[in-house]
Amino acid sequence: MQVGLSDNGRRVEVRRGQRLQVRLAGAWTAPVAGPVGEGAGLQVLHRDSAEGSSAQGPAVAMFTAVRVGLASVVAFEDVPCRHMDPTCARSQAHFELTVLVIPPPGMSAGPLPVPAP
């Protein structure tokens, strides 16, 4: 599955084992993912590869859904003036996608594991 800037703020569903490509046109940081909600602290999406910076070209990250659960994928606008001294006063846009990872067909999700304290 591939998502982009038009998916900002959306919620998508992928199956465990499925790959997700986040491709953001323009100047963005490389997208990162983190778990949210119950079981937070356990990796739901594994980032296989990523690129992104204020250089021309898209920011791209490839993720594999490794665990049933909920994750958030985020990236931030990375315009060149934010790396100057003084930095620009322009507000920084952000991209956020909520990803629900569900079990493959024929498998139940079972309870989410809880990380040890």
N, C-alpha and C. Protein backbone atom coordinates (compact mmCIF):
# COMPACT_ATOMS: atom_id res chain seq x y z
N MET A 1 0.85 -1.17 0.00
CA MET A 1 0.00 0.00 0.00
C MET A 1 0.89 1.23 0.00
N GLN A 2 0.50 2.25 -0.75
CA GLN A 2 1.26 3.50 -0.78
C GLN A 2 0.35 4.65 -0.36
N VAL A 3 0.88 5.54 0.48
CA VAL A 3 0.16 6.73 0.92
C VAL A 3 1.03 7.95 0.68
N GLY A 4 0.38 9.13 0.64
CA GLY A 4 1.11 10.37 0.41
C GLY A 4 0.47 11.53 1.15
N LEU A 5 0.83 12.74 0.76
CA LEU A 5 0.36 13.94 1.45
C LEU A 5 -1.16 14.05 1.48
N SER A 6 -1.83 13.54 0.45
CA SER A 6 -3.29 13.61 0.42
C SER A 6 -3.93 12.74 1.51
N ASP A 7 -3.13 11.87 2.12
CA ASP A 7 -3.63 11.00 3.19
C ASP A 7 -3.38 11.57 4.58
N ASN A 8 -2.84 12.78 4.66
CA ASN A 8 -2.55 13.40 5.95
C ASN A 8 -3.81 13.43 6.82
N GLY A 9 -3.68 12.93 8.06
CA GLY A 9 -4.79 12.92 9.00
C GLY A 9 -5.69 11.70 8.88
N ARG A 10 -5.48 10.86 7.89
CA ARG A 10 -6.32 9.69 7.68
C ARG A 10 -5.91 8.53 8.58
N ARG A 11 -6.79 7.53 8.59
CA ARG A 11 -6.52 6.24 9.25
C ARG A 11 -6.57 5.18 8.16
N VAL A 12 -5.53 4.36 8.08
CA VAL A 12 -5.50 3.28 7.10
C VAL A 12 -5.35 1.95 7.83
N GLU A 13 -5.73 0.89 7.14
CA GLU A 13 -5.67 -0.45 7.71
C GLU A 13 -4.77 -1.31 6.84
N VAL A 14 -3.84 -2.01 7.48
CA VAL A 14 -2.98 -2.96 6.77
C VAL A 14 -2.96 -4.26 7.56
N ARG A 15 -2.65 -5.34 6.88
CA ARG A 15 -2.56 -6.64 7.53
C ARG A 15 -1.13 -6.88 8.00
N ARG A 16 -0.99 -7.62 9.10
CA ARG A 16 0.35 -7.98 9.58
C ARG A 16 1.09 -8.67 8.44
N GLY A 17 2.32 -8.27 8.22
CA GLY A 17 3.13 -8.80 7.13
C GLY A 17 3.08 -7.94 5.88
N GLN A 18 2.09 -7.06 5.77
CA GLN A 18 1.96 -6.19 4.60
C GLN A 18 2.94 -5.03 4.70
N ARG A 19 3.34 -4.49 3.55
CA ARG A 19 4.25 -3.35 3.53
C ARG A 19 3.47 -2.08 3.24
N LEU A 20 3.97 -0.98 3.81
CA LEU A 20 3.36 0.33 3.65
C LEU A 20 4.45 1.31 3.22
N GLN A 21 4.24 2.00 2.10
CA GLN A 21 5.18 3.01 1.65
C GLN A 21 4.55 4.38 1.87
N VAL A 22 5.29 5.26 2.57
CA VAL A 22 4.86 6.64 2.77
C VAL A 22 5.76 7.49 1.89
N ARG A 23 5.17 8.21 0.94
CA ARG A 23 5.91 9.01 -0.04
C ARG A 23 5.36 10.43 0.00
N LEU A 24 6.19 11.38 0.46
CA LEU A 24 5.77 12.77 0.63
C LEU A 24 6.54 13.67 -0.32
N ALA A 25 5.83 14.25 -1.28
CA ALA A 25 6.46 15.15 -2.25
C ALA A 25 6.86 16.45 -1.56
N GLY A 26 8.02 16.97 -1.90
CA GLY A 26 8.49 18.21 -1.32
C GLY A 26 9.55 17.95 -0.27
N ALA A 27 9.79 18.94 0.56
CA ALA A 27 10.85 18.87 1.58
C ALA A 27 10.27 18.43 2.91
N TRP A 28 10.49 17.15 3.28
CA TRP A 28 9.99 16.58 4.53
C TRP A 28 11.08 15.75 5.18
N THR A 29 11.00 15.62 6.50
CA THR A 29 11.89 14.68 7.19
C THR A 29 11.44 13.26 6.83
N ALA A 30 12.33 12.32 7.01
CA ALA A 30 11.97 10.92 6.76
C ALA A 30 10.87 10.50 7.73
N PRO A 31 9.79 9.90 7.25
CA PRO A 31 8.71 9.47 8.14
C PRO A 31 9.18 8.43 9.16
N VAL A 32 8.66 8.55 10.38
CA VAL A 32 8.94 7.60 11.45
C VAL A 32 7.61 7.08 12.00
N ALA A 33 7.66 5.90 12.64
CA ALA A 33 6.44 5.31 13.20
C ALA A 33 6.65 4.96 14.65
N GLY A 34 5.59 5.04 15.40
CA GLY A 34 5.62 4.64 16.80
C GLY A 34 4.27 4.09 17.20
N PRO A 35 4.24 3.17 18.16
CA PRO A 35 2.98 2.58 18.61
C PRO A 35 2.19 3.58 19.44
N VAL A 36 0.87 3.42 19.46
CA VAL A 36 0.00 4.26 20.28
C VAL A 36 -1.00 3.38 20.99
N GLY A 37 -1.55 3.88 22.08
CA GLY A 37 -2.61 3.17 22.79
C GLY A 37 -2.09 2.00 23.60
N GLU A 38 -2.99 1.03 23.83
CA GLU A 38 -2.68 -0.15 24.64
C GLU A 38 -1.52 -0.92 24.02
N GLY A 39 -0.57 -1.31 24.82
CA GLY A 39 0.60 -2.03 24.32
C GLY A 39 1.67 -1.10 23.78
N ALA A 40 1.52 0.22 23.99
CA ALA A 40 2.52 1.17 23.50
C ALA A 40 3.89 0.77 24.05
N GLY A 41 4.87 0.90 23.23
CA GLY A 41 6.22 0.47 23.60
C GLY A 41 6.62 -0.74 22.79
N LEU A 42 5.64 -1.44 22.21
CA LEU A 42 5.92 -2.56 21.34
C LEU A 42 5.81 -2.09 19.89
N GLN A 43 6.76 -2.46 19.10
CA GLN A 43 6.82 -2.01 17.72
C GLN A 43 5.71 -2.66 16.89
N VAL A 44 4.92 -1.83 16.21
CA VAL A 44 3.83 -2.29 15.35
C VAL A 44 4.29 -2.26 13.90
N LEU A 45 4.99 -1.18 13.53
CA LEU A 45 5.55 -1.03 12.19
C LEU A 45 7.06 -0.99 12.27
N HIS A 46 7.73 -1.77 11.44
CA HIS A 46 9.19 -1.73 11.36
C HIS A 46 9.56 -0.90 10.15
N ARG A 47 10.41 0.12 10.35
CA ARG A 47 10.85 0.94 9.22
C ARG A 47 12.01 0.23 8.53
N ASP A 48 11.76 -0.22 7.31
CA ASP A 48 12.76 -0.96 6.54
C ASP A 48 13.77 -0.03 5.87
N SER A 49 13.30 1.12 5.39
CA SER A 49 14.18 2.08 4.74
C SER A 49 13.54 3.46 4.82
N ALA A 50 14.38 4.50 4.72
CA ALA A 50 13.85 5.86 4.77
C ALA A 50 14.84 6.83 4.17
N GLU A 51 14.29 7.88 3.57
CA GLU A 51 15.10 9.00 3.11
C GLU A 51 14.23 10.25 3.14
N GLY A 52 14.89 11.37 3.35
CA GLY A 52 14.17 12.63 3.39
C GLY A 52 15.05 13.70 3.99
N SER A 53 14.90 14.91 3.47
CA SER A 53 15.66 16.05 3.97
C SER A 53 15.17 17.29 3.26
N SER A 54 15.86 18.38 3.44
CA SER A 54 15.48 19.61 2.76
C SER A 54 15.93 19.61 1.30
N ALA A 55 16.62 18.57 0.86
CA ALA A 55 17.04 18.47 -0.54
C ALA A 55 15.81 18.24 -1.42
N GLN A 56 15.97 18.53 -2.69
CA GLN A 56 14.87 18.28 -3.63
C GLN A 56 14.57 16.79 -3.68
N GLY A 57 13.35 16.47 -3.90
CA GLY A 57 12.95 15.09 -3.99
C GLY A 57 12.06 14.71 -2.83
N PRO A 58 11.35 13.61 -2.97
CA PRO A 58 10.39 13.24 -1.94
C PRO A 58 11.05 12.60 -0.71
N ALA A 59 10.33 12.66 0.40
CA ALA A 59 10.70 11.89 1.59
C ALA A 59 9.95 10.57 1.47
N VAL A 60 10.67 9.48 1.63
CA VAL A 60 10.07 8.16 1.43
C VAL A 60 10.49 7.25 2.58
N ALA A 61 9.54 6.47 3.07
CA ALA A 61 9.86 5.43 4.06
C ALA A 61 9.04 4.20 3.74
N MET A 62 9.66 3.04 3.92
CA MET A 62 8.99 1.77 3.72
C MET A 62 8.89 1.07 5.08
N PHE A 63 7.68 0.66 5.42
CA PHE A 63 7.42 -0.01 6.69
C PHE A 63 6.84 -1.40 6.44
N THR A 64 7.12 -2.32 7.36
CA THR A 64 6.47 -3.62 7.37
C THR A 64 5.66 -3.73 8.65
N ALA A 65 4.40 -4.14 8.52
CA ALA A 65 3.53 -4.33 9.68
C ALA A 65 3.95 -5.63 10.38
N VAL A 66 4.52 -5.52 11.58
CA VAL A 66 5.08 -6.68 12.27
C VAL A 66 4.24 -7.16 13.45
N ARG A 67 3.31 -6.35 13.92
CA ARG A 67 2.52 -6.73 15.09
C ARG A 67 1.14 -6.09 14.97
N VAL A 68 0.12 -6.83 15.39
CA VAL A 68 -1.23 -6.29 15.41
C VAL A 68 -1.28 -5.15 16.42
N GLY A 69 -1.86 -4.04 16.04
CA GLY A 69 -1.97 -2.89 16.94
C GLY A 69 -2.15 -1.61 16.17
N LEU A 70 -1.96 -0.51 16.86
CA LEU A 70 -2.17 0.81 16.30
C LEU A 70 -0.85 1.57 16.32
N ALA A 71 -0.54 2.24 15.20
CA ALA A 71 0.70 3.01 15.11
C ALA A 71 0.40 4.37 14.50
N SER A 72 1.30 5.30 14.74
CA SER A 72 1.22 6.62 14.15
C SER A 72 2.49 6.84 13.34
N VAL A 73 2.33 7.30 12.10
CA VAL A 73 3.47 7.63 11.25
C VAL A 73 3.49 9.15 11.12
N VAL A 74 4.64 9.77 11.41
CA VAL A 74 4.74 11.23 11.36
C VAL A 74 5.97 11.67 10.56
N ALA A 75 5.87 12.86 10.00
CA ALA A 75 6.98 13.53 9.34
C ALA A 75 6.73 15.03 9.47
N PHE A 76 7.81 15.80 9.36
CA PHE A 76 7.70 17.25 9.51
C PHE A 76 8.30 17.94 8.29
N GLU A 77 7.68 19.06 7.93
CA GLU A 77 8.19 19.85 6.81
C GLU A 77 9.63 20.26 7.14
N ASP A 78 10.51 20.14 6.16
CA ASP A 78 11.93 20.42 6.38
C ASP A 78 12.43 21.40 5.33
N VAL A 79 11.97 22.64 5.44
CA VAL A 79 12.36 23.67 4.48
C VAL A 79 13.76 24.20 4.82
N PRO A 80 14.55 24.58 3.81
CA PRO A 80 15.94 25.01 4.04
C PRO A 80 16.09 26.14 5.07
N CYS A 81 15.14 27.08 5.12
CA CYS A 81 15.31 28.21 6.05
C CYS A 81 15.27 27.78 7.51
N ARG A 82 14.79 26.59 7.80
CA ARG A 82 14.77 26.11 9.18
C ARG A 82 16.16 25.67 9.63
N HIS A 83 17.12 25.58 8.69
CA HIS A 83 18.50 25.18 9.01
C HIS A 83 19.45 26.38 8.99
N MET A 84 18.91 27.59 8.87
CA MET A 84 19.75 28.81 8.84
C MET A 84 19.78 29.43 10.22
N ASP A 85 20.72 30.34 10.39
CA ASP A 85 20.81 31.06 11.65
C ASP A 85 20.69 32.54 11.34
N PRO A 86 19.65 33.22 11.74
CA PRO A 86 18.52 32.72 12.51
C PRO A 86 17.56 31.90 11.63
N THR A 87 16.81 31.03 12.26
CA THR A 87 15.86 30.22 11.52
C THR A 87 14.66 31.07 11.11
N CYS A 88 13.95 30.61 10.11
CA CYS A 88 12.78 31.36 9.65
C CYS A 88 11.64 31.23 10.67
N ALA A 89 10.76 32.18 10.65
CA ALA A 89 9.64 32.18 11.59
C ALA A 89 8.44 31.42 11.03
N ARG A 90 8.60 30.82 9.89
CA ARG A 90 7.53 30.07 9.24
C ARG A 90 7.12 28.87 10.10
N SER A 91 5.83 28.66 10.24
CA SER A 91 5.38 27.51 11.03
C SER A 91 5.72 26.22 10.27
N GLN A 92 5.92 25.16 11.02
CA GLN A 92 6.35 23.89 10.44
C GLN A 92 5.14 22.97 10.28
N ALA A 93 4.85 22.59 9.04
CA ALA A 93 3.74 21.67 8.79
C ALA A 93 4.13 20.27 9.23
N HIS A 94 3.14 19.45 9.54
CA HIS A 94 3.44 18.07 9.88
C HIS A 94 2.44 17.12 9.20
N PHE A 95 2.91 15.92 8.96
CA PHE A 95 2.12 14.85 8.36
C PHE A 95 1.92 13.79 9.42
N GLU A 96 0.69 13.31 9.55
CA GLU A 96 0.43 12.24 10.51
C GLU A 96 -0.59 11.27 9.91
N LEU A 97 -0.29 10.01 10.04
CA LEU A 97 -1.14 8.94 9.53
C LEU A 97 -1.31 7.93 10.66
N THR A 98 -2.54 7.51 10.91
CA THR A 98 -2.79 6.45 11.89
C THR A 98 -2.92 5.15 11.13
N VAL A 99 -2.20 4.13 11.59
CA VAL A 99 -2.18 2.84 10.91
C VAL A 99 -2.68 1.76 11.87
N LEU A 100 -3.75 1.10 11.47
CA LEU A 100 -4.27 -0.03 12.23
C LEU A 100 -3.76 -1.30 11.56
N VAL A 101 -2.98 -2.09 12.29
CA VAL A 101 -2.48 -3.36 11.77
C VAL A 101 -3.38 -4.46 12.28
N ILE A 102 -3.97 -5.21 11.34
CA ILE A 102 -4.88 -6.29 11.67
C ILE A 102 -4.22 -7.62 11.34
N PRO A 103 -4.74 -8.73 11.89
CA PRO A 103 -4.14 -10.03 11.62
C PRO A 103 -4.37 -10.46 10.17
N PRO A 104 -3.52 -11.34 9.66
CA PRO A 104 -3.74 -11.89 8.33
C PRO A 104 -5.04 -12.68 8.30
N PRO A 105 -5.60 -12.94 7.11
CA PRO A 105 -6.84 -13.70 7.03
C PRO A 105 -6.71 -15.06 7.74
N GLY A 106 -7.75 -15.42 8.47
CA GLY A 106 -7.76 -16.72 9.13
C GLY A 106 -7.07 -16.75 10.49
N MET A 107 -6.51 -15.64 10.92
CA MET A 107 -5.83 -15.60 12.22
C MET A 107 -6.53 -14.59 13.11
N SER A 108 -6.68 -14.93 14.39
CA SER A 108 -7.28 -13.98 15.32
C SER A 108 -6.19 -13.07 15.86
N ALA A 109 -6.59 -11.91 16.29
CA ALA A 109 -5.63 -10.94 16.82
C ALA A 109 -5.12 -11.37 18.18
N GLY A 110 -5.97 -11.97 19.00
CA GLY A 110 -5.57 -12.29 20.36
C GLY A 110 -5.38 -11.01 21.14
N PRO A 111 -5.07 -11.11 22.42
CA PRO A 111 -4.85 -9.89 23.21
C PRO A 111 -3.52 -9.25 22.83
N LEU A 112 -3.48 -7.93 22.94
CA LEU A 112 -2.23 -7.22 22.71
C LEU A 112 -1.29 -7.48 23.88
N PRO A 113 -0.03 -7.82 23.61
CA PRO A 113 0.92 -8.02 24.71
C PRO A 113 1.21 -6.69 25.40
N VAL A 114 1.44 -6.76 26.67
CA VAL A 114 1.74 -5.57 27.46
C VAL A 114 3.22 -5.61 27.83
N PRO A 115 3.96 -4.52 27.55
CA PRO A 115 5.39 -4.52 27.87
C PRO A 115 5.62 -4.60 29.38
N ALA A 116 6.74 -5.21 29.74
CA ALA A 116 7.10 -5.32 31.15
C ALA A 116 7.45 -3.93 31.70
N PRO A 117 7.13 -3.66 32.95
CA PRO A 117 7.42 -2.34 33.54
C PRO A 117 8.90 -2.10 33.68
